[in-house]
Amino acid sequence: MASYESFDDYVGSDLWLKNGPNNMLLPQTEWVTLAGPGRRLLVNHLARMENMRDELDLILRSIGMDSFIPKIVIERKNASTTLGEKIQVKISSIKSIKERYAHDFELIGYDPDQIPFEVID
């Protein structure tokens, strides 16, 4: 996969514009909703990765597998060393992200104005 000088270069790249390999950059709503008006959810619960321990407990309880909860260990692998730091991004890139993932922000409950970017331009 190509490398980019900046996050802005990535957002403006053909990879981004063409949804990436195997459509992996499509909004998540494309994978968990039916197409059409209202985009009906196809799953009972959307888990948030940043709360994986709590989410897994909830999922296991909901399917009657409470006994597995204390046995499953979730280790942090490949953790970012810049977690919590804001990266500098052009307003045009932020606009593209907000537009492309608007349904994701709404469905998953993220505030699009709380994305961790420092606006430059």
PDB file of N, CA and C in Angstrom:
ATOM      1  N   MET A   1       0.845  -1.169   0.000  1.00  0.00           N
ATOM      2  CA  MET A   1       0.000   0.000   0.000  1.00  0.00           C
ATOM      3  C   MET A   1       0.893   1.236   0.000  1.00  0.00           C
ATOM      4  N   ALA A   2       0.451   2.276  -0.631  1.00  0.00           N
ATOM      5  CA  ALA A   2       1.231   3.500  -0.751  1.00  0.00           C
ATOM      6  C   ALA A   2       1.403   4.180   0.608  1.00  0.00           C
ATOM      7  N   SER A   3       2.446   4.983   0.709  1.00  0.00           N
ATOM      8  CA  SER A   3       2.622   5.796   1.911  1.00  0.00           C
ATOM      9  C   SER A   3       2.367   7.252   1.516  1.00  0.00           C
ATOM     10  N   TYR A   4       2.051   8.060   2.512  1.00  0.00           N
ATOM     11  CA  TYR A   4       1.659   9.436   2.246  1.00  0.00           C
ATOM     12  C   TYR A   4       2.455  10.380   3.131  1.00  0.00           C
ATOM     13  N   GLU A   5       2.725  11.549   2.607  1.00  0.00           N
ATOM     14  CA  GLU A   5       3.477  12.569   3.354  1.00  0.00           C
ATOM     15  C   GLU A   5       2.678  13.078   4.553  1.00  0.00           C
ATOM     16  N   SER A   6       1.358  13.140   4.405  1.00  0.00           N
ATOM     17  CA  SER A   6       0.516  13.685   5.471  1.00  0.00           C
ATOM     18  C   SER A   6      -0.856  13.029   5.430  1.00  0.00           C
ATOM     19  N   PHE A   7      -1.609  13.239   6.473  1.00  0.00           N
ATOM     20  CA  PHE A   7      -2.981  12.740   6.511  1.00  0.00           C
ATOM     21  C   PHE A   7      -3.808  13.385   5.405  1.00  0.00           C
ATOM     22  N   ASP A   8      -3.555  14.665   5.132  1.00  0.00           N
ATOM     23  CA  ASP A   8      -4.273  15.353   4.051  1.00  0.00           C
ATOM     24  C   ASP A   8      -4.004  14.701   2.698  1.00  0.00           C
ATOM     25  N   ASP A   9      -2.756  14.290   2.469  1.00  0.00           N
ATOM     26  CA  ASP A   9      -2.425  13.592   1.221  1.00  0.00           C
ATOM     27  C   ASP A   9      -3.201  12.285   1.111  1.00  0.00           C
ATOM     28  N   TYR A  10      -3.328  11.588   2.239  1.00  0.00           N
ATOM     29  CA  TYR A  10      -4.082  10.333   2.261  1.00  0.00           C
ATOM     30  C   TYR A  10      -5.556  10.571   1.931  1.00  0.00           C
ATOM     31  N   VAL A  11      -6.162  11.576   2.577  1.00  0.00           N
ATOM     32  CA  VAL A  11      -7.584  11.864   2.338  1.00  0.00           C
ATOM     33  C   VAL A  11      -7.831  12.312   0.901  1.00  0.00           C
ATOM     34  N   GLY A  12      -6.843  12.899   0.269  1.00  0.00           N
ATOM     35  CA  GLY A  12      -6.991  13.316  -1.124  1.00  0.00           C
ATOM     36  C   GLY A  12      -6.535  12.282  -2.140  1.00  0.00           C
ATOM     37  N   SER A  13      -6.129  11.120  -1.678  1.00  0.00           N
ATOM     38  CA  SER A  13      -5.568  10.097  -2.573  1.00  0.00           C
ATOM     39  C   SER A  13      -6.632   9.280  -3.298  1.00  0.00           C
ATOM     40  N   ASP A  14      -6.201   8.592  -4.353  1.00  0.00           N
ATOM     41  CA  ASP A  14      -7.091   7.676  -5.063  1.00  0.00           C
ATOM     42  C   ASP A  14      -7.573   6.559  -4.146  1.00  0.00           C
ATOM     43  N   LEU A  15      -6.710   6.104  -3.244  1.00  0.00           N
ATOM     44  CA  LEU A  15      -7.105   5.056  -2.294  1.00  0.00           C
ATOM     45  C   LEU A  15      -8.335   5.490  -1.519  1.00  0.00           C
ATOM     46  N   TRP A  16      -8.301   6.678  -0.979  1.00  0.00           N
ATOM     47  CA  TRP A  16      -9.423   7.222  -0.200  1.00  0.00           C
ATOM     48  C   TRP A  16     -10.642   7.424  -1.096  1.00  0.00           C
ATOM     49  N   LEU A  17     -10.425   8.048  -2.240  1.00  0.00           N
ATOM     50  CA  LEU A  17     -11.538   8.399  -3.125  1.00  0.00           C
ATOM     51  C   LEU A  17     -12.230   7.172  -3.714  1.00  0.00           C
ATOM     52  N   LYS A  18     -11.491   6.054  -3.844  1.00  0.00           N
ATOM     53  CA  LYS A  18     -12.065   4.848  -4.455  1.00  0.00           C
ATOM     54  C   LYS A  18     -12.379   3.765  -3.424  1.00  0.00           C
ATOM     55  N   ASN A  19     -12.517   4.151  -2.156  1.00  0.00           N
ATOM     56  CA  ASN A  19     -12.939   3.246  -1.074  1.00  0.00           C
ATOM     57  C   ASN A  19     -11.907   2.228  -0.627  1.00  0.00           C
ATOM     58  N   GLY A  20     -10.682   2.304  -1.116  1.00  0.00           N
ATOM     59  CA  GLY A  20      -9.632   1.395  -0.673  1.00  0.00           C
ATOM     60  C   GLY A  20      -9.806  -0.013  -1.206  1.00  0.00           C
ATOM     61  N   PRO A  21      -8.818  -0.881  -0.926  1.00  0.00           N
ATOM     62  CA  PRO A  21      -8.914  -2.271  -1.393  1.00  0.00           C
ATOM     63  C   PRO A  21     -10.081  -2.986  -0.724  1.00  0.00           C
ATOM     64  N   ASN A  22     -10.828  -3.745  -1.505  1.00  0.00           N
ATOM     65  CA  ASN A  22     -11.997  -4.493  -1.006  1.00  0.00           C
ATOM     66  C   ASN A  22     -13.009  -3.595  -0.305  1.00  0.00           C
ATOM     67  N   ASN A  23     -13.061  -2.332  -0.719  1.00  0.00           N
ATOM     68  CA  ASN A  23     -14.006  -1.359  -0.162  1.00  0.00           C
ATOM     69  C   ASN A  23     -13.844  -1.146   1.343  1.00  0.00           C
ATOM     70  N   MET A  24     -12.650  -1.364   1.870  1.00  0.00           N
ATOM     71  CA  MET A  24     -12.452  -1.277   3.313  1.00  0.00           C
ATOM     72  C   MET A  24     -12.610   0.133   3.882  1.00  0.00           C
ATOM     73  N   LEU A  25     -12.628   1.152   3.035  1.00  0.00           N
ATOM     74  CA  LEU A  25     -12.796   2.521   3.517  1.00  0.00           C
ATOM     75  C   LEU A  25     -14.232   3.024   3.388  1.00  0.00           C
ATOM     76  N   LEU A  26     -15.130   2.142   2.977  1.00  0.00           N
ATOM     77  CA  LEU A  26     -16.536   2.537   2.951  1.00  0.00           C
ATOM     78  C   LEU A  26     -16.985   2.877   4.369  1.00  0.00           C
ATOM     79  N   PRO A  27     -17.959   3.757   4.512  1.00  0.00           N
ATOM     80  CA  PRO A  27     -18.510   4.002   5.845  1.00  0.00           C
ATOM     81  C   PRO A  27     -19.021   2.695   6.460  1.00  0.00           C
ATOM     82  N   GLN A  28     -18.871   2.553   7.761  1.00  0.00           N
ATOM     83  CA  GLN A  28     -19.297   1.329   8.446  1.00  0.00           C
ATOM     84  C   GLN A  28     -20.782   1.049   8.258  1.00  0.00           C
ATOM     85  N   THR A  29     -21.574   2.103   8.101  1.00  0.00           N
ATOM     86  CA  THR A  29     -23.005   1.906   7.896  1.00  0.00           C
ATOM     87  C   THR A  29     -23.297   1.099   6.641  1.00  0.00           C
ATOM     88  N   GLU A  30     -22.388   1.110   5.681  1.00  0.00           N
ATOM     89  CA  GLU A  30     -22.571   0.313   4.465  1.00  0.00           C
ATOM     90  C   GLU A  30     -22.528  -1.180   4.764  1.00  0.00           C
ATOM     91  N   TRP A  31     -21.844  -1.570   5.834  1.00  0.00           N
ATOM     92  CA  TRP A  31     -21.666  -2.977   6.176  1.00  0.00           C
ATOM     93  C   TRP A  31     -22.736  -3.489   7.149  1.00  0.00           C
ATOM     94  N   VAL A  32     -23.382  -2.595   7.887  1.00  0.00           N
ATOM     95  CA  VAL A  32     -24.289  -3.054   8.950  1.00  0.00           C
ATOM     96  C   VAL A  32     -25.725  -2.568   8.789  1.00  0.00           C
ATOM     97  N   THR A  33     -26.053  -1.975   7.638  1.00  0.00           N
ATOM     98  CA  THR A  33     -27.418  -1.521   7.388  1.00  0.00           C
ATOM     99  C   THR A  33     -27.865  -1.962   5.999  1.00  0.00           C
ATOM    100  N   LEU A  34     -29.167  -2.021   5.819  1.00  0.00           N
ATOM    101  CA  LEU A  34     -29.732  -2.278   4.494  1.00  0.00           C
ATOM    102  C   LEU A  34     -29.751  -0.982   3.711  1.00  0.00           C
ATOM    103  N   ALA A  35     -29.457  -1.040   2.442  1.00  0.00           N
ATOM    104  CA  ALA A  35     -29.508   0.146   1.599  1.00  0.00           C
ATOM    105  C   ALA A  35     -30.948   0.619   1.472  1.00  0.00           C
ATOM    106  N   GLY A  36     -31.094   1.896   1.206  1.00  0.00           N
ATOM    107  CA  GLY A  36     -32.413   2.449   1.001  1.00  0.00           C
ATOM    108  C   GLY A  36     -32.797   3.424   2.089  1.00  0.00           C
ATOM    109  N   PRO A  37     -34.007   3.958   1.993  1.00  0.00           N
ATOM    110  CA  PRO A  37     -34.462   4.953   2.969  1.00  0.00           C
ATOM    111  C   PRO A  37     -34.433   4.394   4.401  1.00  0.00           C
ATOM    112  N   GLY A  38     -33.889   5.181   5.298  1.00  0.00           N
ATOM    113  CA  GLY A  38     -33.845   4.777   6.690  1.00  0.00           C
ATOM    114  C   GLY A  38     -32.680   3.892   7.061  1.00  0.00           C
ATOM    115  N   ARG A  39     -32.045   3.249   6.093  1.00  0.00           N
ATOM    116  CA  ARG A  39     -30.888   2.378   6.313  1.00  0.00           C
ATOM    117  C   ARG A  39     -31.054   1.527   7.566  1.00  0.00           C
ATOM    118  N   ARG A  40     -31.990   0.599   7.527  1.00  0.00           N
ATOM    119  CA  ARG A  40     -32.310  -0.266   8.671  1.00  0.00           C
ATOM    120  C   ARG A  40     -31.099  -1.074   9.119  1.00  0.00           C
ATOM    121  N   LEU A  41     -30.857  -1.058  10.431  1.00  0.00           N
ATOM    122  CA  LEU A  41     -29.739  -1.764  11.038  1.00  0.00           C
ATOM    123  C   LEU A  41     -29.926  -3.275  10.933  1.00  0.00           C
ATOM    124  N   LEU A  42     -28.876  -3.989  10.556  1.00  0.00           N
ATOM    125  CA  LEU A  42     -28.924  -5.439  10.370  1.00  0.00           C
ATOM    126  C   LEU A  42     -28.442  -6.222  11.596  1.00  0.00           C
ATOM    127  N   VAL A  43     -27.952  -5.528  12.597  1.00  0.00           N
ATOM    128  CA  VAL A  43     -27.426  -6.173  13.797  1.00  0.00           C
ATOM    129  C   VAL A  43     -28.155  -5.645  15.027  1.00  0.00           C
ATOM    130  N   ASN A  44     -28.055  -6.389  16.128  1.00  0.00           N
ATOM    131  CA  ASN A  44     -28.709  -5.971  17.365  1.00  0.00           C
ATOM    132  C   ASN A  44     -27.912  -4.942  18.147  1.00  0.00           C
ATOM    133  N   HIS A  45     -26.602  -4.929  17.941  1.00  0.00           N
ATOM    134  CA  HIS A  45     -25.751  -4.043  18.728  1.00  0.00           C
ATOM    135  C   HIS A  45     -24.495  -3.686  17.941  1.00  0.00           C
ATOM    136  N   LEU A  46     -24.111  -2.425  17.986  1.00  0.00           N
ATOM    137  CA  LEU A  46     -22.854  -1.977  17.392  1.00  0.00           C
ATOM    138  C   LEU A  46     -21.862  -1.760  18.527  1.00  0.00           C
ATOM    139  N   ALA A  47     -20.797  -2.525  18.528  1.00  0.00           N
ATOM    140  CA  ALA A  47     -19.790  -2.412  19.583  1.00  0.00           C
ATOM    141  C   ALA A  47     -18.760  -1.357  19.215  1.00  0.00           C
ATOM    142  N   ARG A  48     -18.334  -0.617  20.223  1.00  0.00           N
ATOM    143  CA  ARG A  48     -17.290   0.391  20.034  1.00  0.00           C
ATOM    144  C   ARG A  48     -15.953  -0.214  20.452  1.00  0.00           C
ATOM    145  N   MET A  49     -14.988  -0.127  19.569  1.00  0.00           N
ATOM    146  CA  MET A  49     -13.678  -0.717  19.836  1.00  0.00           C
ATOM    147  C   MET A  49     -12.994  -0.105  21.054  1.00  0.00           C
ATOM    148  N   GLU A  50     -13.211   1.178  21.300  1.00  0.00           N
ATOM    149  CA  GLU A  50     -12.519   1.815  22.419  1.00  0.00           C
ATOM    150  C   GLU A  50     -13.045   1.345  23.779  1.00  0.00           C
ATOM    151  N   ASN A  51     -14.172   0.643  23.787  1.00  0.00           N
ATOM    152  CA  ASN A  51     -14.744   0.080  25.019  1.00  0.00           C
ATOM    153  C   ASN A  51     -14.884  -1.435  24.897  1.00  0.00           C
ATOM    154  N   MET A  52     -13.951  -2.062  24.230  1.00  0.00           N
ATOM    155  CA  MET A  52     -14.108  -3.469  23.869  1.00  0.00           C
ATOM    156  C   MET A  52     -14.375  -4.380  25.061  1.00  0.00           C
ATOM    157  N   ARG A  53     -13.735  -4.185  26.182  1.00  0.00           N
ATOM    158  CA  ARG A  53     -13.969  -5.048  27.352  1.00  0.00           C
ATOM    159  C   ARG A  53     -15.440  -4.997  27.761  1.00  0.00           C
ATOM    160  N   ASP A  54     -15.985  -3.799  27.924  1.00  0.00           N
ATOM    161  CA  ASP A  54     -17.390  -3.644  28.310  1.00  0.00           C
ATOM    162  C   ASP A  54     -18.325  -4.171  27.225  1.00  0.00           C
ATOM    163  N   GLU A  55     -17.975  -3.897  25.981  1.00  0.00           N
ATOM    164  CA  GLU A  55     -18.809  -4.348  24.861  1.00  0.00           C
ATOM    165  C   GLU A  55     -18.851  -5.870  24.794  1.00  0.00           C
ATOM    166  N   LEU A  56     -17.704  -6.511  24.965  1.00  0.00           N
ATOM    167  CA  LEU A  56     -17.657  -7.971  24.923  1.00  0.00           C
ATOM    168  C   LEU A  56     -18.471  -8.572  26.062  1.00  0.00           C
ATOM    169  N   ASP A  57     -18.360  -7.996  27.247  1.00  0.00           N
ATOM    170  CA  ASP A  57     -19.163  -8.470  28.384  1.00  0.00           C
ATOM    171  C   ASP A  57     -20.656  -8.388  28.058  1.00  0.00           C
ATOM    172  N   LEU A  58     -21.075  -7.270  27.502  1.00  0.00           N
ATOM    173  CA  LEU A  58     -22.479  -7.066  27.137  1.00  0.00           C
ATOM    174  C   LEU A  58     -22.932  -8.095  26.108  1.00  0.00           C
ATOM    175  N   ILE A  59     -22.109  -8.321  25.095  1.00  0.00           N
ATOM    176  CA  ILE A  59     -22.447  -9.282  24.038  1.00  0.00           C
ATOM    177  C   ILE A  59     -22.535 -10.703  24.612  1.00  0.00           C
ATOM    178  N   LEU A  60     -21.561 -11.093  25.422  1.00  0.00           N
ATOM    179  CA  LEU A  60     -21.577 -12.438  26.011  1.00  0.00           C
ATOM    180  C   LEU A  60     -22.798 -12.633  26.905  1.00  0.00           C
ATOM    181  N   ARG A  61     -23.141 -11.624  27.689  1.00  0.00           N
ATOM    182  CA  ARG A  61     -24.346 -11.725  28.537  1.00  0.00           C
ATOM    183  C   ARG A  61     -25.601 -11.871  27.680  1.00  0.00           C
ATOM    184  N   SER A  62     -25.653 -11.120  26.583  1.00  0.00           N
ATOM    185  CA  SER A  62     -26.857 -11.131  25.746  1.00  0.00           C
ATOM    186  C   SER A  62     -27.083 -12.467  25.048  1.00  0.00           C
ATOM    187  N   ILE A  63     -26.019 -13.264  24.898  1.00  0.00           N
ATOM    188  CA  ILE A  63     -26.184 -14.575  24.252  1.00  0.00           C
ATOM    189  C   ILE A  63     -26.026 -15.725  25.254  1.00  0.00           C
ATOM    190  N   GLY A  64     -26.102 -15.382  26.551  1.00  0.00           N
ATOM    191  CA  GLY A  64     -26.084 -16.412  27.581  1.00  0.00           C
ATOM    192  C   GLY A  64     -24.736 -17.051  27.838  1.00  0.00           C
ATOM    193  N   MET A  65     -23.674 -16.332  27.576  1.00  0.00           N
ATOM    194  CA  MET A  65     -22.332 -16.888  27.778  1.00  0.00           C
ATOM    195  C   MET A  65     -21.583 -16.159  28.893  1.00  0.00           C
ATOM    196  N   ASP A  66     -22.311 -15.807  29.952  1.00  0.00           N
ATOM    197  CA  ASP A  66     -21.725 -15.075  31.079  1.00  0.00           C
ATOM    198  C   ASP A  66     -20.500 -15.773  31.658  1.00  0.00           C
ATOM    199  N   SER A  67     -20.496 -17.094  31.642  1.00  0.00           N
ATOM    200  CA  SER A  67     -19.411 -17.848  32.265  1.00  0.00           C
ATOM    201  C   SER A  67     -18.067 -17.627  31.557  1.00  0.00           C
ATOM    202  N   PHE A  68     -18.091 -17.156  30.313  1.00  0.00           N
ATOM    203  CA  PHE A  68     -16.850 -16.912  29.580  1.00  0.00           C
ATOM    204  C   PHE A  68     -16.234 -15.555  29.905  1.00  0.00           C
ATOM    205  N   ILE A  69     -17.009 -14.655  30.494  1.00  0.00           N
ATOM    206  CA  ILE A  69     -16.545 -13.283  30.716  1.00  0.00           C
ATOM    207  C   ILE A  69     -15.215 -13.216  31.464  1.00  0.00           C
ATOM    208  N   PRO A  70     -15.069 -13.877  32.619  1.00  0.00           N
ATOM    209  CA  PRO A  70     -13.782 -13.739  33.320  1.00  0.00           C
ATOM    210  C   PRO A  70     -12.624 -14.463  32.629  1.00  0.00           C
ATOM    211  N   LYS A  71     -12.909 -15.351  31.708  1.00  0.00           N
ATOM    212  CA  LYS A  71     -11.859 -16.146  31.066  1.00  0.00           C
ATOM    213  C   LYS A  71     -11.235 -15.464  29.856  1.00  0.00           C
ATOM    214  N   ILE A  72     -11.928 -14.520  29.277  1.00  0.00           N
ATOM    215  CA  ILE A  72     -11.444 -13.875  28.062  1.00  0.00           C
ATOM    216  C   ILE A  72     -10.597 -12.661  28.427  1.00  0.00           C
ATOM    217  N   VAL A  73      -9.350 -12.674  27.975  1.00  0.00           N
ATOM    218  CA  VAL A  73      -8.425 -11.575  28.225  1.00  0.00           C
ATOM    219  C   VAL A  73      -8.277 -10.784  26.931  1.00  0.00           C
ATOM    220  N   ILE A  74      -8.439  -9.491  27.031  1.00  0.00           N
ATOM    221  CA  ILE A  74      -8.256  -8.631  25.866  1.00  0.00           C
ATOM    222  C   ILE A  74      -6.988  -7.828  26.088  1.00  0.00           C
ATOM    223  N   GLU A  75      -5.989  -8.122  25.261  1.00  0.00           N
ATOM    224  CA  GLU A  75      -4.720  -7.410  25.355  1.00  0.00           C
ATOM    225  C   GLU A  75      -4.674  -6.307  24.302  1.00  0.00           C
ATOM    226  N   ARG A  76      -4.022  -5.245  24.639  1.00  0.00           N
ATOM    227  CA  ARG A  76      -3.835  -4.163  23.678  1.00  0.00           C
ATOM    228  C   ARG A  76      -2.613  -4.500  22.834  1.00  0.00           C
ATOM    229  N   LYS A  77      -2.811  -4.632  21.538  1.00  0.00           N
ATOM    230  CA  LYS A  77      -1.730  -4.939  20.598  1.00  0.00           C
ATOM    231  C   LYS A  77      -1.606  -3.773  19.626  1.00  0.00           C
ATOM    232  N   ASN A  78      -0.414  -3.503  19.199  1.00  0.00           N
ATOM    233  CA  ASN A  78      -0.183  -2.486  18.185  1.00  0.00           C
ATOM    234  C   ASN A  78      -0.803  -1.140  18.580  1.00  0.00           C
ATOM    235  N   ALA A  79      -0.661  -0.778  19.856  1.00  0.00           N
ATOM    236  CA  ALA A  79      -1.255   0.456  20.358  1.00  0.00           C
ATOM    237  C   ALA A  79      -0.532   1.678  19.804  1.00  0.00           C
ATOM    238  N   SER A  80      -1.293   2.703  19.528  1.00  0.00           N
ATOM    239  CA  SER A  80      -0.729   3.953  19.032  1.00  0.00           C
ATOM    240  C   SER A  80       0.113   4.613  20.121  1.00  0.00           C
ATOM    241  N   THR A  81       1.243   5.165  19.727  1.00  0.00           N
ATOM    242  CA  THR A  81       2.078   5.889  20.682  1.00  0.00           C
ATOM    243  C   THR A  81       1.665   7.353  20.754  1.00  0.00           C
ATOM    244  N   THR A  82       0.760   7.763  19.874  1.00  0.00           N
ATOM    245  CA  THR A  82       0.312   9.155  19.848  1.00  0.00           C
ATOM    246  C   THR A  82      -1.134   9.290  20.300  1.00  0.00           C
ATOM    247  N   LEU A  83      -1.638   8.295  21.006  1.00  0.00           N
ATOM    248  CA  LEU A  83      -3.032   8.312  21.456  1.00  0.00           C
ATOM    249  C   LEU A  83      -3.309   9.579  22.250  1.00  0.00           C
ATOM    250  N   GLY A  84      -4.344  10.281  21.866  1.00  0.00           N
ATOM    251  CA  GLY A  84      -4.709  11.505  22.555  1.00  0.00           C
ATOM    252  C   GLY A  84      -4.102  12.756  21.948  1.00  0.00           C
ATOM    253  N   GLU A  85      -3.096  12.591  21.118  1.00  0.00           N
ATOM    254  CA  GLU A  85      -2.491  13.748  20.454  1.00  0.00           C
ATOM    255  C   GLU A  85      -3.312  14.124  19.226  1.00  0.00           C
ATOM    256  N   LYS A  86      -3.417  15.403  18.967  1.00  0.00           N
ATOM    257  CA  LYS A  86      -4.139  15.861  17.785  1.00  0.00           C
ATOM    258  C   LYS A  86      -3.169  15.999  16.622  1.00  0.00           C
ATOM    259  N   ILE A  87      -3.612  15.554  15.441  1.00  0.00           N
ATOM    260  CA  ILE A  87      -2.787  15.730  14.252  1.00  0.00           C
ATOM    261  C   ILE A  87      -3.298  16.939  13.472  1.00  0.00           C
ATOM    262  N   GLN A  88      -2.411  17.572  12.751  1.00  0.00           N
ATOM    263  CA  GLN A  88      -2.790  18.745  11.975  1.00  0.00           C
ATOM    264  C   GLN A  88      -3.416  18.312  10.658  1.00  0.00           C
ATOM    265  N   VAL A  89      -4.601  18.846  10.397  1.00  0.00           N
ATOM    266  CA  VAL A  89      -5.363  18.471   9.208  1.00  0.00           C
ATOM    267  C   VAL A  89      -6.021  19.715   8.618  1.00  0.00           C
ATOM    268  N   LYS A  90      -6.008  19.795   7.305  1.00  0.00           N
ATOM    269  CA  LYS A  90      -6.658  20.915   6.618  1.00  0.00           C
ATOM    270  C   LYS A  90      -8.172  20.816   6.765  1.00  0.00           C
ATOM    271  N   ILE A  91      -8.813  21.956   6.787  1.00  0.00           N
ATOM    272  CA  ILE A  91     -10.271  22.017   6.920  1.00  0.00           C
ATOM    273  C   ILE A  91     -10.947  21.258   5.781  1.00  0.00           C
ATOM    274  N   SER A  92     -10.353  21.249   4.594  1.00  0.00           N
ATOM    275  CA  SER A  92     -10.940  20.532   3.457  1.00  0.00           C
ATOM    276  C   SER A  92     -10.963  19.022   3.723  1.00  0.00           C
ATOM    277  N   SER A  93      -9.938  18.501   4.381  1.00  0.00           N
ATOM    278  CA  SER A  93      -9.906  17.073   4.723  1.00  0.00           C
ATOM    279  C   SER A  93     -10.952  16.752   5.788  1.00  0.00           C
ATOM    280  N   ILE A  94     -11.058  17.621   6.789  1.00  0.00           N
ATOM    281  CA  ILE A  94     -12.060  17.409   7.844  1.00  0.00           C
ATOM    282  C   ILE A  94     -13.456  17.417   7.239  1.00  0.00           C
ATOM    283  N   LYS A  95     -13.696  18.334   6.311  1.00  0.00           N
ATOM    284  CA  LYS A  95     -15.001  18.392   5.633  1.00  0.00           C
ATOM    285  C   LYS A  95     -15.268  17.087   4.883  1.00  0.00           C
ATOM    286  N   SER A  96     -14.260  16.564   4.183  1.00  0.00           N
ATOM    287  CA  SER A  96     -14.418  15.302   3.444  1.00  0.00           C
ATOM    288  C   SER A  96     -14.740  14.141   4.388  1.00  0.00           C
ATOM    289  N   ILE A  97     -14.054  14.096   5.518  1.00  0.00           N
ATOM    290  CA  ILE A  97     -14.286  13.026   6.499  1.00  0.00           C
ATOM    291  C   ILE A  97     -15.700  13.123   7.067  1.00  0.00           C
ATOM    292  N   LYS A  98     -16.105  14.322   7.453  1.00  0.00           N
ATOM    293  CA  LYS A  98     -17.444  14.513   8.025  1.00  0.00           C
ATOM    294  C   LYS A  98     -18.536  14.150   7.022  1.00  0.00           C
ATOM    295  N   GLU A  99     -18.342  14.518   5.755  1.00  0.00           N
ATOM    296  CA  GLU A  99     -19.337  14.204   4.728  1.00  0.00           C
ATOM    297  C   GLU A  99     -19.383  12.704   4.452  1.00  0.00           C
ATOM    298  N   ARG A 100     -18.225  12.115   4.261  1.00  0.00           N
ATOM    299  CA  ARG A 100     -18.167  10.690   3.917  1.00  0.00           C
ATOM    300  C   ARG A 100     -18.727   9.801   5.018  1.00  0.00           C
ATOM    301  N   TYR A 101     -18.423  10.144   6.267  1.00  0.00           N
ATOM    302  CA  TYR A 101     -18.809   9.297   7.394  1.00  0.00           C
ATOM    303  C   TYR A 101     -19.952   9.874   8.221  1.00  0.00           C
ATOM    304  N   ALA A 102     -20.750  10.755   7.642  1.00  0.00           N
ATOM    305  CA  ALA A 102     -21.858  11.393   8.369  1.00  0.00           C
ATOM    306  C   ALA A 102     -22.807  10.365   8.971  1.00  0.00           C
ATOM    307  N   HIS A 103     -23.180   9.339   8.202  1.00  0.00           N
ATOM    308  CA  HIS A 103     -24.084   8.310   8.730  1.00  0.00           C
ATOM    309  C   HIS A 103     -23.431   7.523   9.859  1.00  0.00           C
ATOM    310  N   ASP A 104     -22.140   7.276   9.744  1.00  0.00           N
ATOM    311  CA  ASP A 104     -21.422   6.577  10.816  1.00  0.00           C
ATOM    312  C   ASP A 104     -21.462   7.390  12.103  1.00  0.00           C
ATOM    313  N   PHE A 105     -21.130   8.679  11.995  1.00  0.00           N
ATOM    314  CA  PHE A 105     -21.150   9.530  13.184  1.00  0.00           C
ATOM    315  C   PHE A 105     -22.525   9.480  13.842  1.00  0.00           C
ATOM    316  N   GLU A 106     -23.565   9.577  13.034  1.00  0.00           N
ATOM    317  CA  GLU A 106     -24.931   9.589  13.566  1.00  0.00           C
ATOM    318  C   GLU A 106     -25.316   8.241  14.173  1.00  0.00           C
ATOM    319  N   LEU A 107     -25.128   7.165  13.430  1.00  0.00           N
ATOM    320  CA  LEU A 107     -25.557   5.842  13.879  1.00  0.00           C
ATOM    321  C   LEU A 107     -24.779   5.360  15.104  1.00  0.00           C
ATOM    322  N   ILE A 108     -23.480   5.580  15.107  1.00  0.00           N
ATOM    323  CA  ILE A 108     -22.653   5.084  16.196  1.00  0.00           C
ATOM    324  C   ILE A 108     -22.656   6.046  17.382  1.00  0.00           C
ATOM    325  N   GLY A 109     -23.070   7.275  17.136  1.00  0.00           N
ATOM    326  CA  GLY A 109     -23.199   8.229  18.225  1.00  0.00           C
ATOM    327  C   GLY A 109     -21.950   9.034  18.525  1.00  0.00           C
ATOM    328  N   TYR A 110     -21.124   9.216  17.527  1.00  0.00           N
ATOM    329  CA  TYR A 110     -19.944  10.058  17.699  1.00  0.00           C
ATOM    330  C   TYR A 110     -20.276  11.485  17.280  1.00  0.00           C
ATOM    331  N   ASP A 111     -19.697  12.440  17.968  1.00  0.00           N
ATOM    332  CA  ASP A 111     -19.857  13.845  17.621  1.00  0.00           C
ATOM    333  C   ASP A 111     -18.798  14.198  16.572  1.00  0.00           C
ATOM    334  N   PRO A 112     -19.198  14.532  15.349  1.00  0.00           N
ATOM    335  CA  PRO A 112     -18.214  14.817  14.299  1.00  0.00           C
ATOM    336  C   PRO A 112     -17.336  16.029  14.601  1.00  0.00           C
ATOM    337  N   ASP A 113     -17.753  16.859  15.537  1.00  0.00           N
ATOM    338  CA  ASP A 113     -16.942  18.015  15.894  1.00  0.00           C
ATOM    339  C   ASP A 113     -15.923  17.684  16.978  1.00  0.00           C
ATOM    340  N   GLN A 114     -15.927  16.453  17.461  1.00  0.00           N
ATOM    341  CA  GLN A 114     -14.977  16.034  18.487  1.00  0.00           C
ATOM    342  C   GLN A 114     -13.879  15.128  17.931  1.00  0.00           C
ATOM    343  N   ILE A 115     -13.694  15.138  16.621  1.00  0.00           N
ATOM    344  CA  ILE A 115     -12.632  14.313  16.039  1.00  0.00           C
ATOM    345  C   ILE A 115     -11.284  14.944  16.398  1.00  0.00           C
ATOM    346  N   PRO A 116     -10.271  14.133  16.657  1.00  0.00           N
ATOM    347  CA  PRO A 116      -9.014  14.629  17.228  1.00  0.00           C
ATOM    348  C   PRO A 116      -8.047  15.261  16.220  1.00  0.00           C
ATOM    349  N   PHE A 117      -8.480  16.346  15.599  1.00  0.00           N
ATOM    350  CA  PHE A 117      -7.635  17.024  14.635  1.00  0.00           C
ATOM    351  C   PHE A 117      -7.427  18.478  15.042  1.00  0.00           C
ATOM    352  N   GLU A 118      -6.250  18.972  14.750  1.00  0.00           N
ATOM    353  CA  GLU A 118      -5.990  20.403  14.888  1.00  0.00           C
ATOM    354  C   GLU A 118      -6.143  20.988  13.492  1.00  0.00           C
ATOM    355  N   VAL A 119      -7.061  21.917  13.323  1.00  0.00           N
ATOM    356  CA  VAL A 119      -7.367  22.462  12.009  1.00  0.00           C
ATOM    357  C   VAL A 119      -6.274  23.429  11.567  1.00  0.00           C
ATOM    358  N   ILE A 120      -5.794  23.207  10.343  1.00  0.00           N
ATOM    359  CA  ILE A 120      -4.833  24.133   9.730  1.00  0.00           C
ATOM    360  C   ILE A 120      -5.374  24.548   8.379  1.00  0.00           C
ATOM    361  N   ASP A 121      -4.897  25.630   7.874  1.00  0.00           N
ATOM    362  CA  ASP A 121      -5.242  26.111   6.518  1.00  0.00           C
ATOM    363  C   ASP A 121      -4.758  27.496   6.321  1.00  0.00           C
TER     364      ASP A 121
END
